[in-house]
Amino acid sequence: MIGALRALRANSAWGRPRSLRSQLLWWLLTLHLVAAGLTAWFAYVVYGRLVHNFMDDQMRLVAESYTSHRKPPPLLPLANATDLARGAFVLQLWSADGDTLLASSWPALAVPLQPGTGFGDVRTGLGDDATWRVYTAPGAREDRLRVQVVQSDDFRRHRVIRRALFEGLPIALLLPLAMLILWIIVTAASRSLRAVARDVVAQDERSLSELSVARVPEEITPLVDAFNGLLARLRAAFATQRRFVQDAAHELRSPIAAITLQLEALRPHVASDGDAAQRFEQLEAGVTRARHLVDQLLSLSRQEAPASTAAAAPVDLAALLRDSLGNLMVLADQRGVDVGFEGQVYLLVNAPASELRCVFDNLIDNALRYTRQGSAVDVRLHAVEGRPVVDVVDHGPGIPSDLMGRVFDRFFRVPGAAAGGSGLGLSIAQAAAARHGMRIALRNRSLDEGGPGVVARVYLPVIPA
């Protein structure tokens, strides 16, 4: 209950709660307070009339029982002033002319004989300026006594107030219990909403599945249906984009392959020096870059395709890194780059091997393309602060600090970088790493580390070997 009130207060802005749970609790509290107030007011009015009518009838009957006397009979005096507070009647017997008080059950009460007859209210200085209810009986005959009955009006009012509070008390007592029950009900009902929220968080561009409405409240179902419609449109848009990239890449592979064959056939007929040889090399480099771009586009489309249902399996990372280096040795030989591998730890990574290959193939390929010819690319598998990492270190020109945050953008290439890259490798590697709980961080090598160059560090999630 205390937690509910704290949440109600914390979620309120200018007195109006923002959460649905707090709004329900707020309105329930208001409703119970209003109901308790109305009940108390209704009881005060109805019971007040009942008490006044009953007491007035009693006063009239008492007064009429003494109006037939010529002489005042002996009266039983009240014990003390407490009896007045408890609603005791004070009986006054006056002479027939009304000038003389002949007898009184409480002589200290200075309430004069009222000029008229019937009921009235009189205020005196006795008992903190008390108010008294007075009934003056009409004289039976001229030689008979005049009778007046007095009762404390404060007694009546206090009795009515207590009764009204007693009527409203059950509602006030039920308020904490009702708020607690509502809190439990709303919490149980919101579990389905939290489940929908978890499903939404689990969505990504590769797996946009519809949200289940089986356990969703009817009031929230239209919202979930609208969100499912949006997901369907997004799936269609992503599918259209992937088909376009795949179709474009496949259509480009054939003409690029034909151009490559024509260049191979033309090579023997081109002089080994001179302007023609230079232009031929430029043309060959452009075709090579176009072929690499097509391969990267196909890899990108496969990465953006819906996630495969194949379960992840423990992969020996050291063996996978050696395999990646072996597949890229052709590129390393072409650039005269020495490739080294150092594995200081043995670990298994719980992820599909193809996804891990996508991460490290692109990082190593990127390092080989941007390192200086005749230098080296080092791949290190080691631990940093107790966490296993893979460092891919090149000896290239480095990345300007103001552009470090953009290198993972698609098709972005650092100005002045050597030709041959597509601008997609780091983007593909980052997306594949993020899907399996890995993180890639780039930094420039310092002079103490033998810079310039770039260190691409991959932070790995692992399972015990």
Protein backbone atom coordinates (compact mmCIF):
# COMPACT_ATOMS: atom_id res chain seq x y z
CA MET A 1 0.00 0.00 0.00
CA ILE A 2 2.85 2.38 0.87
CA GLY A 3 4.53 1.49 -2.43
CA ALA A 4 1.30 2.26 -4.29
CA LEU A 5 1.06 5.71 -2.71
CA ARG A 6 4.73 6.40 -3.45
CA ALA A 7 4.27 5.39 -7.08
CA LEU A 8 1.13 7.53 -7.26
CA ARG A 9 3.03 10.54 -5.95
CA ALA A 10 6.10 9.91 -8.14
CA ASN A 11 4.06 9.57 -11.33
CA SER A 12 2.06 12.72 -10.70
CA ALA A 13 2.65 15.97 -12.52
CA TRP A 14 0.65 18.98 -11.37
CA GLY A 15 -1.60 16.61 -9.42
CA ARG A 16 -2.41 14.39 -12.43
CA PRO A 17 -0.82 10.92 -12.66
CA ARG A 18 0.78 9.94 -15.94
CA SER A 19 0.67 6.13 -15.72
CA LEU A 20 -2.52 4.15 -16.18
CA ARG A 21 -2.05 2.38 -12.85
CA SER A 22 -1.60 5.67 -11.00
CA GLN A 23 -4.62 7.19 -12.73
CA LEU A 24 -6.80 4.28 -11.61
CA LEU A 25 -5.53 4.57 -8.07
CA TRP A 26 -5.98 8.35 -8.14
CA TRP A 27 -9.58 8.15 -9.32
CA LEU A 28 -10.35 5.28 -6.92
CA LEU A 29 -9.03 7.36 -4.03
CA THR A 30 -11.08 10.36 -5.13
CA LEU A 31 -14.20 8.22 -5.63
CA HIS A 32 -13.91 6.64 -2.18
CA LEU A 33 -13.35 9.98 -0.48
CA VAL A 34 -16.32 11.53 -2.29
CA ALA A 35 -18.48 8.48 -1.50
CA ALA A 36 -17.46 8.60 2.16
CA GLY A 37 -18.22 12.33 2.29
CA LEU A 38 -21.61 11.96 0.61
CA THR A 39 -22.51 9.03 2.85
CA ALA A 40 -21.55 10.99 5.95
CA TRP A 41 -23.51 14.04 4.76
CA PHE A 42 -26.59 11.94 3.92
CA ALA A 43 -26.41 10.22 7.30
CA TYR A 44 -26.00 13.60 9.02
CA VAL A 45 -29.13 14.99 7.34
CA VAL A 46 -31.35 11.91 7.66
CA TYR A 47 -30.27 10.83 11.14
CA GLY A 48 -30.29 14.45 12.31
CA ARG A 49 -33.96 14.80 11.39
CA LEU A 50 -34.73 11.48 13.05
CA VAL A 51 -32.96 12.43 16.29
CA HIS A 52 -34.52 15.90 16.42
CA ASN A 53 -38.01 14.59 15.78
CA PHE A 54 -37.66 11.84 18.35
CA MET A 55 -36.24 14.12 21.04
CA ASP A 56 -38.83 16.83 20.34
CA ASP A 57 -41.62 14.31 20.78
CA GLN A 58 -40.09 13.19 24.10
CA MET A 59 -39.83 16.78 25.29
CA ARG A 60 -43.46 17.49 24.33
CA LEU A 61 -44.73 14.36 26.11
CA VAL A 62 -42.80 15.22 29.29
CA ALA A 63 -44.08 18.79 29.26
CA GLU A 64 -47.71 17.80 28.68
CA SER A 65 -47.58 15.35 31.59
CA TYR A 66 -47.11 18.31 34.03
CA THR A 67 -49.47 20.90 32.52
CA SER A 68 -52.49 19.64 34.54
CA HIS A 69 -50.89 20.38 37.95
CA ARG A 70 -51.90 23.43 40.02
CA LYS A 71 -48.96 23.07 42.38
CA PRO A 72 -45.43 21.98 41.47
CA PRO A 73 -44.80 18.36 42.37
CA PRO A 74 -41.38 17.35 43.77
CA LEU A 75 -38.77 17.05 40.97
CA LEU A 76 -35.83 14.68 40.94
CA PRO A 77 -32.78 16.93 40.56
CA LEU A 78 -29.98 16.05 38.17
CA ALA A 79 -26.84 14.62 39.75
CA ASN A 80 -24.35 16.94 38.01
CA ALA A 81 -23.67 18.86 34.80
CA THR A 82 -22.50 15.67 33.07
CA ASP A 83 -26.11 14.57 32.81
CA LEU A 84 -26.82 17.65 30.70
CA ALA A 85 -24.07 16.70 28.28
CA ARG A 86 -25.64 13.25 28.01
CA GLY A 87 -28.96 14.67 26.87
CA ALA A 88 -30.94 14.73 30.12
CA PHE A 89 -34.07 16.88 30.17
CA VAL A 90 -34.27 19.92 32.47
CA LEU A 91 -37.84 20.42 33.66
CA GLN A 92 -38.97 23.93 34.66
CA LEU A 93 -42.28 24.62 36.37
CA TRP A 94 -43.47 28.24 36.28
CA SER A 95 -46.41 30.00 37.83
CA ALA A 96 -49.55 30.43 35.79
CA ASP A 97 -48.65 34.05 34.99
CA GLY A 98 -45.10 33.01 33.99
CA ASP A 99 -43.33 35.42 36.31
CA THR A 100 -42.02 32.99 38.91
CA LEU A 101 -39.95 29.81 38.53
CA LEU A 102 -41.52 27.49 41.08
CA ALA A 103 -39.36 24.36 40.52
CA SER A 104 -36.49 23.15 38.31
CA SER A 105 -34.54 19.93 38.05
CA TRP A 106 -31.37 22.05 37.46
CA PRO A 107 -31.81 25.51 39.00
CA ALA A 108 -28.41 26.71 37.79
CA LEU A 109 -29.67 26.70 34.22
CA ALA A 110 -30.80 30.29 33.58
CA VAL A 111 -33.19 29.77 30.68
CA PRO A 112 -36.15 32.14 31.02
CA LEU A 113 -39.69 31.16 30.16
CA GLN A 114 -40.18 31.73 26.47
CA PRO A 115 -42.92 34.20 25.53
CA GLY A 116 -44.57 31.90 23.03
CA THR A 117 -45.28 28.22 22.97
CA GLY A 118 -43.69 25.37 21.04
CA PHE A 119 -40.06 24.67 20.19
CA GLY A 120 -37.19 27.11 20.03
CA ASP A 121 -33.42 27.45 20.45
CA VAL A 122 -31.84 29.55 23.20
CA ARG A 123 -28.18 30.44 23.66
CA THR A 124 -26.88 31.04 27.19
CA GLY A 125 -23.52 31.71 28.77
CA LEU A 126 -23.55 28.43 30.66
CA GLY A 127 -21.20 25.76 29.45
CA ASP A 128 -19.08 27.69 26.95
CA ASP A 129 -21.92 29.67 25.42
CA ALA A 130 -24.06 26.54 24.99
CA THR A 131 -27.15 26.22 22.80
CA TRP A 132 -30.33 24.73 24.26
CA ARG A 133 -33.40 23.21 22.70
CA VAL A 134 -36.51 24.51 24.49
CA TYR A 135 -40.11 23.37 24.42
CA THR A 136 -42.71 25.60 26.09
CA ALA A 137 -46.03 23.86 26.62
CA PRO A 138 -49.22 25.86 26.16
CA GLY A 139 -51.13 26.44 29.41
CA ALA A 140 -53.96 23.97 30.01
CA ARG A 141 -55.94 26.49 32.08
CA GLU A 142 -55.28 29.84 33.68
CA ASP A 143 -54.87 28.28 37.14
CA ARG A 144 -52.48 25.58 35.98
CA LEU A 145 -48.67 25.56 35.91
CA ARG A 146 -46.63 26.69 32.93
CA VAL A 147 -44.19 23.91 31.90
CA GLN A 148 -40.93 24.25 29.95
CA VAL A 149 -38.51 21.44 29.01
CA VAL A 150 -34.86 22.18 28.08
CA GLN A 151 -32.26 19.90 26.47
CA SER A 152 -28.70 20.49 25.34
CA ASP A 153 -28.62 21.09 21.57
CA ASP A 154 -24.90 20.27 21.54
CA PHE A 155 -25.79 16.74 22.68
CA ARG A 156 -28.04 16.32 19.65
CA ARG A 157 -25.45 17.73 17.26
CA HIS A 158 -22.61 15.59 18.62
CA ARG A 159 -24.77 12.49 18.46
CA VAL A 160 -25.69 13.17 14.84
CA ILE A 161 -22.07 13.86 13.90
CA ARG A 162 -20.90 10.63 15.50
CA ARG A 163 -23.57 8.73 13.66
CA ALA A 164 -22.62 10.35 10.33
CA LEU A 165 -18.94 9.55 10.86
CA PHE A 166 -19.85 6.00 11.80
CA GLU A 167 -21.77 5.62 8.52
CA GLY A 168 -18.83 6.90 6.45
CA LEU A 169 -16.20 4.98 8.40
CA PRO A 170 -16.63 1.60 6.59
CA ILE A 171 -15.97 3.21 3.22
CA ALA A 172 -12.90 5.00 4.57
CA LEU A 173 -11.63 1.76 6.13
CA LEU A 174 -12.16 -0.12 2.87
CA LEU A 175 -10.13 2.46 0.92
CA PRO A 176 -6.66 0.97 1.63
CA LEU A 177 -7.93 -2.55 0.94
CA ALA A 178 -9.61 -1.46 -2.30
CA MET A 179 -6.45 0.35 -3.46
CA LEU A 180 -4.34 -2.72 -2.65
CA ILE A 181 -6.74 -5.00 -4.56
CA LEU A 182 -6.75 -2.62 -7.52
CA TRP A 183 -2.95 -2.44 -7.42
CA ILE A 184 -2.75 -6.24 -7.59
CA ILE A 185 -5.34 -6.45 -10.39
CA VAL A 186 -3.67 -3.76 -12.50
CA THR A 187 -0.25 -5.31 -11.92
CA ALA A 188 -1.53 -8.70 -13.06
CA ALA A 189 -3.24 -7.14 -16.09
CA SER A 190 -0.11 -5.20 -17.03
CA ARG A 191 1.96 -8.36 -17.26
CA SER A 192 0.65 -8.91 -20.75
CA LEU A 193 1.66 -5.37 -21.66
CA ARG A 194 5.14 -5.98 -20.31
CA ALA A 195 5.28 -9.18 -22.37
CA VAL A 196 4.35 -7.16 -25.47
CA ALA A 197 7.04 -4.63 -24.56
CA ARG A 198 9.61 -7.44 -24.32
CA ASP A 199 8.52 -8.70 -27.73
CA VAL A 200 8.93 -5.22 -29.16
CA VAL A 201 12.42 -4.88 -27.64
CA ALA A 202 13.37 -8.25 -29.14
CA GLN A 203 12.48 -7.06 -32.64
CA ASP A 204 15.22 -6.08 -35.08
CA GLU A 205 15.44 -5.45 -38.79
CA ARG A 206 16.15 -9.13 -39.45
CA SER A 207 13.24 -10.60 -37.46
CA LEU A 208 10.14 -8.42 -37.53
CA SER A 209 7.61 -10.95 -36.27
CA GLU A 210 4.03 -10.12 -35.33
CA LEU A 211 3.16 -9.52 -31.69
CA SER A 212 0.79 -11.98 -30.04
CA VAL A 213 -2.59 -10.62 -28.93
CA ALA A 214 -3.67 -13.79 -27.12
CA ARG A 215 -3.20 -12.36 -23.62
CA VAL A 216 -3.50 -8.67 -24.43
CA PRO A 217 -6.49 -6.82 -22.90
CA GLU A 218 -9.22 -5.94 -25.36
CA GLU A 219 -8.58 -2.22 -24.87
CA ILE A 220 -4.95 -2.62 -25.98
CA THR A 221 -5.64 -5.01 -28.87
CA PRO A 222 -6.24 -2.22 -31.46
CA LEU A 223 -2.87 -0.70 -30.59
CA VAL A 224 -1.09 -4.05 -30.96
CA ASP A 225 -2.92 -4.72 -34.24
CA ALA A 226 -1.84 -1.31 -35.55
CA PHE A 227 1.74 -2.04 -34.52
CA ASN A 228 1.58 -5.43 -36.29
CA GLY A 229 0.38 -3.62 -39.41
CA LEU A 230 3.37 -1.30 -39.18
CA LEU A 231 5.69 -4.30 -38.78
CA ALA A 232 4.17 -5.93 -41.85
CA ARG A 233 4.83 -2.79 -43.90
CA LEU A 234 8.40 -2.65 -42.60
CA ARG A 235 8.94 -6.32 -43.49
CA ALA A 236 7.71 -5.65 -46.99
CA ALA A 237 9.96 -2.59 -47.33
CA PHE A 238 13.03 -4.44 -46.05
CA ALA A 239 12.29 -7.42 -48.30
CA THR A 240 11.99 -5.12 -51.31
CA GLN A 241 15.29 -3.47 -50.42
CA ARG A 242 17.06 -6.81 -49.99
CA ARG A 243 15.68 -8.11 -53.30
CA PHE A 244 16.84 -4.99 -55.07
CA VAL A 245 20.37 -5.28 -53.66
CA GLN A 246 20.55 -8.99 -54.41
CA ASP A 247 19.20 -8.61 -57.94
CA ALA A 248 21.50 -5.69 -58.65
CA ALA A 249 24.54 -7.54 -57.31
CA HIS A 250 23.73 -10.72 -59.23
CA GLU A 251 23.11 -8.80 -62.44
CA LEU A 252 26.42 -6.97 -62.04
CA ARG A 253 28.48 -10.10 -61.41
CA SER A 254 28.12 -11.43 -64.93
CA PRO A 255 29.27 -8.30 -66.81
CA ILE A 256 32.07 -7.72 -64.30
CA ALA A 257 33.23 -11.30 -64.72
CA ALA A 258 33.17 -10.85 -68.50
CA ILE A 259 35.20 -7.64 -68.24
CA THR A 260 37.70 -9.38 -65.97
CA LEU A 261 38.16 -12.16 -68.56
CA GLN A 262 38.61 -9.62 -71.32
CA LEU A 263 41.25 -7.83 -69.25
CA GLU A 264 43.10 -11.10 -68.68
CA ALA A 265 43.03 -11.78 -72.40
CA LEU A 266 44.20 -8.24 -73.15
CA ARG A 267 47.08 -8.21 -70.70
CA PRO A 268 49.69 -9.90 -72.99
CA HIS A 269 49.01 -7.29 -75.66
CA VAL A 270 49.68 -4.30 -73.40
CA ALA A 271 53.22 -2.93 -73.20
CA SER A 272 54.87 -3.32 -69.84
CA ASP A 273 55.62 0.40 -69.58
CA GLY A 274 54.29 3.64 -70.86
CA ASP A 275 50.97 5.42 -70.63
CA ALA A 276 48.96 2.47 -71.92
CA ALA A 277 50.28 0.19 -69.17
CA GLN A 278 49.39 2.79 -66.53
CA ARG A 279 45.86 3.19 -67.84
CA PHE A 280 45.46 -0.59 -68.05
CA GLU A 281 46.44 -0.92 -64.38
CA GLN A 282 43.92 1.77 -63.44
CA LEU A 283 41.21 -0.03 -65.38
CA GLU A 284 42.12 -3.33 -63.76
CA ALA A 285 42.03 -1.73 -60.27
CA GLY A 286 38.60 -0.27 -60.97
CA VAL A 287 37.24 -3.62 -62.11
CA THR A 288 38.72 -5.29 -59.03
CA ARG A 289 37.09 -2.69 -56.80
CA ALA A 290 33.74 -3.16 -58.57
CA ARG A 291 33.98 -6.94 -58.10
CA HIS A 292 34.77 -6.44 -54.40
CA LEU A 293 31.83 -4.04 -54.06
CA VAL A 294 29.45 -6.59 -55.59
CA ASP A 295 30.71 -9.25 -53.20
CA GLN A 296 30.18 -6.88 -50.27
CA LEU A 297 26.66 -6.03 -51.45
CA LEU A 298 25.80 -9.73 -51.57
CA SER A 299 27.26 -10.19 -48.09
CA LEU A 300 25.25 -7.21 -46.87
CA SER A 301 22.01 -8.62 -48.29
CA ARG A 302 22.68 -11.95 -46.57
CA GLN A 303 23.31 -10.15 -43.28
CA GLU A 304 20.03 -8.26 -43.56
CA ALA A 305 18.04 -11.38 -44.45
CA PRO A 306 15.81 -12.89 -41.73
CA ALA A 307 17.81 -14.68 -39.07
CA SER A 308 18.44 -18.33 -39.74
CA THR A 309 16.96 -20.93 -37.47
CA ALA A 310 20.31 -22.68 -36.98
CA ALA A 311 21.26 -22.73 -33.33
CA ALA A 312 24.52 -21.22 -32.22
CA ALA A 313 27.29 -23.67 -31.36
CA PRO A 314 30.57 -23.30 -29.50
CA VAL A 315 33.30 -22.27 -31.94
CA ASP A 316 37.05 -22.50 -31.33
CA LEU A 317 37.95 -18.87 -32.00
CA ALA A 318 41.69 -19.43 -32.45
CA ALA A 319 41.05 -22.01 -35.19
CA LEU A 320 38.51 -19.71 -36.86
CA LEU A 321 40.97 -16.78 -36.88
CA ARG A 322 43.68 -18.95 -38.44
CA ASP A 323 41.20 -20.06 -41.10
CA SER A 324 40.27 -16.44 -41.86
CA LEU A 325 43.92 -15.47 -42.18
CA GLY A 326 44.53 -18.42 -44.52
CA ASN A 327 41.68 -17.38 -46.82
CA LEU A 328 43.01 -13.82 -47.01
CA MET A 329 46.64 -14.75 -47.66
CA VAL A 330 46.17 -14.11 -51.40
CA LEU A 331 45.35 -10.46 -50.73
CA ALA A 332 48.21 -10.23 -48.23
CA ASP A 333 50.67 -11.62 -50.80
CA GLN A 334 49.45 -9.19 -53.45
CA ARG A 335 50.18 -6.26 -51.15
CA GLY A 336 53.36 -7.72 -49.71
CA VAL A 337 51.93 -7.61 -46.18
CA ASP A 338 53.22 -9.91 -43.47
CA VAL A 339 50.37 -11.44 -41.45
CA GLY A 340 50.89 -12.62 -37.90
CA PHE A 341 48.65 -14.35 -35.36
CA GLU A 342 49.14 -14.62 -31.61
CA GLY A 343 46.74 -16.62 -29.46
CA GLN A 344 47.32 -16.21 -25.71
CA VAL A 345 44.03 -17.71 -24.55
CA TYR A 346 41.87 -20.62 -25.62
CA LEU A 347 38.17 -20.05 -25.63
CA LEU A 348 34.93 -21.03 -27.27
CA VAL A 349 32.45 -18.47 -28.57
CA ASN A 350 28.80 -19.47 -28.64
CA ALA A 351 27.72 -18.15 -32.06
CA PRO A 352 27.28 -19.41 -35.63
CA ALA A 353 30.65 -19.84 -37.31
CA SER A 354 29.49 -18.01 -40.45
CA GLU A 355 28.60 -14.93 -38.40
CA LEU A 356 31.99 -14.93 -36.67
CA ARG A 357 33.74 -15.34 -40.01
CA CYS A 358 31.79 -12.34 -41.31
CA VAL A 359 33.08 -10.20 -38.42
CA PHE A 360 36.75 -11.15 -38.58
CA ASP A 361 37.03 -11.57 -42.37
CA ASN A 362 35.85 -8.00 -42.86
CA LEU A 363 38.11 -6.59 -40.13
CA ILE A 364 41.20 -8.40 -41.43
CA ASP A 365 40.33 -7.57 -45.05
CA ASN A 366 39.93 -3.92 -44.09
CA ALA A 367 43.31 -3.94 -42.29
CA LEU A 368 45.06 -5.55 -45.28
CA ARG A 369 43.66 -2.96 -47.69
CA TYR A 370 44.64 0.08 -45.62
CA THR A 371 48.01 -0.99 -44.18
CA ARG A 372 51.18 0.14 -45.93
CA GLN A 373 52.62 -2.20 -48.52
CA GLY A 374 55.52 -4.17 -47.12
CA SER A 375 54.34 -3.71 -43.51
CA ALA A 376 52.39 -6.13 -41.30
CA VAL A 377 48.92 -6.91 -39.94
CA ASP A 378 48.80 -8.54 -36.51
CA VAL A 379 45.88 -10.49 -35.09
CA ARG A 380 45.99 -11.05 -31.34
CA LEU A 381 43.66 -13.16 -29.22
CA HIS A 382 44.26 -12.21 -25.60
CA ALA A 383 42.57 -10.93 -22.43
CA VAL A 384 42.16 -7.32 -21.32
CA GLU A 385 41.10 -6.79 -17.69
CA GLY A 386 39.93 -10.38 -17.52
CA ARG A 387 37.80 -10.15 -20.66
CA PRO A 388 38.85 -11.90 -23.89
CA VAL A 389 39.30 -9.68 -26.92
CA VAL A 390 40.60 -9.92 -30.47
CA ASP A 391 42.81 -7.09 -31.75
CA VAL A 392 43.37 -6.56 -35.47
CA VAL A 393 46.31 -4.15 -35.79
CA ASP A 394 47.38 -2.51 -39.04
CA HIS A 395 50.16 -0.07 -40.00
CA GLY A 396 48.07 2.23 -42.11
CA PRO A 397 47.64 6.02 -42.01
CA GLY A 398 45.09 5.88 -39.18
CA ILE A 399 41.70 7.58 -38.95
CA PRO A 400 41.22 11.30 -38.20
CA SER A 401 39.67 11.70 -34.74
CA ASP A 402 36.75 13.77 -36.08
CA LEU A 403 35.82 10.96 -38.48
CA MET A 404 36.20 8.06 -36.04
CA GLY A 405 32.45 8.04 -35.30
CA ARG A 406 31.50 7.70 -38.99
CA VAL A 407 33.66 4.80 -40.09
CA PHE A 408 30.85 2.32 -39.36
CA ASP A 409 28.42 4.13 -41.68
CA ARG A 410 27.63 2.38 -44.94
CA PHE A 411 29.66 3.47 -47.97
CA PHE A 412 31.70 5.90 -45.89
CA ARG A 413 35.38 6.00 -46.74
CA VAL A 414 37.96 8.21 -45.12
CA PRO A 415 38.95 10.97 -47.56
CA GLY A 416 42.32 10.28 -49.12
CA ALA A 417 42.19 6.54 -48.43
CA ALA A 418 43.62 4.18 -50.99
CA ALA A 419 41.27 2.90 -53.68
CA GLY A 420 39.91 -0.61 -53.53
CA GLY A 421 37.58 -0.50 -50.54
CA SER A 422 33.78 -0.39 -50.75
CA GLY A 423 32.93 1.37 -47.49
CA LEU A 424 30.80 -1.58 -46.35
CA GLY A 425 33.21 -3.87 -44.51
CA LEU A 426 33.12 -2.21 -41.09
CA SER A 427 29.34 -1.71 -41.28
CA ILE A 428 28.80 -5.41 -42.03
CA ALA A 429 31.21 -6.47 -39.28
CA GLN A 430 29.57 -4.24 -36.70
CA ALA A 431 26.05 -5.50 -37.51
CA ALA A 432 27.15 -9.15 -37.30
CA ALA A 433 28.99 -8.53 -34.01
CA ALA A 434 26.05 -6.74 -32.39
CA ARG A 435 23.71 -9.64 -33.15
CA HIS A 436 25.80 -11.94 -30.95
CA GLY A 437 26.66 -9.69 -28.04
CA MET A 438 30.02 -8.54 -29.34
CA ARG A 439 31.28 -4.98 -29.63
CA ILE A 440 33.84 -3.46 -31.99
CA ALA A 441 35.92 -0.46 -30.92
CA LEU A 442 38.42 1.38 -33.10
CA ARG A 443 41.31 3.55 -31.97
CA ASN A 444 44.46 4.98 -33.50
CA ARG A 445 47.76 3.51 -32.42
CA SER A 446 49.96 5.75 -30.33
CA LEU A 447 53.61 6.46 -31.09
CA ASP A 448 54.60 4.24 -28.15
CA GLU A 449 52.83 1.35 -29.90
CA GLY A 450 54.72 1.93 -33.15
CA GLY A 451 52.01 4.05 -34.79
CA PRO A 452 50.51 5.22 -37.01
CA GLY A 453 47.84 2.64 -37.58
CA VAL A 454 44.50 1.46 -36.28
CA VAL A 455 43.59 -1.13 -33.64
CA ALA A 456 40.20 -2.78 -34.18
CA ARG A 457 39.27 -4.46 -30.89
CA VAL A 458 36.42 -6.99 -30.65
CA TYR A 459 35.03 -7.63 -27.17
CA LEU A 460 33.81 -11.22 -27.00
CA PRO A 461 31.12 -13.04 -25.03
CA VAL A 462 32.41 -16.48 -24.12
CA ILE A 463 31.43 -19.75 -22.49
CA PRO A 464 33.82 -21.92 -20.46
CA ALA A 465 35.99 -24.16 -22.62
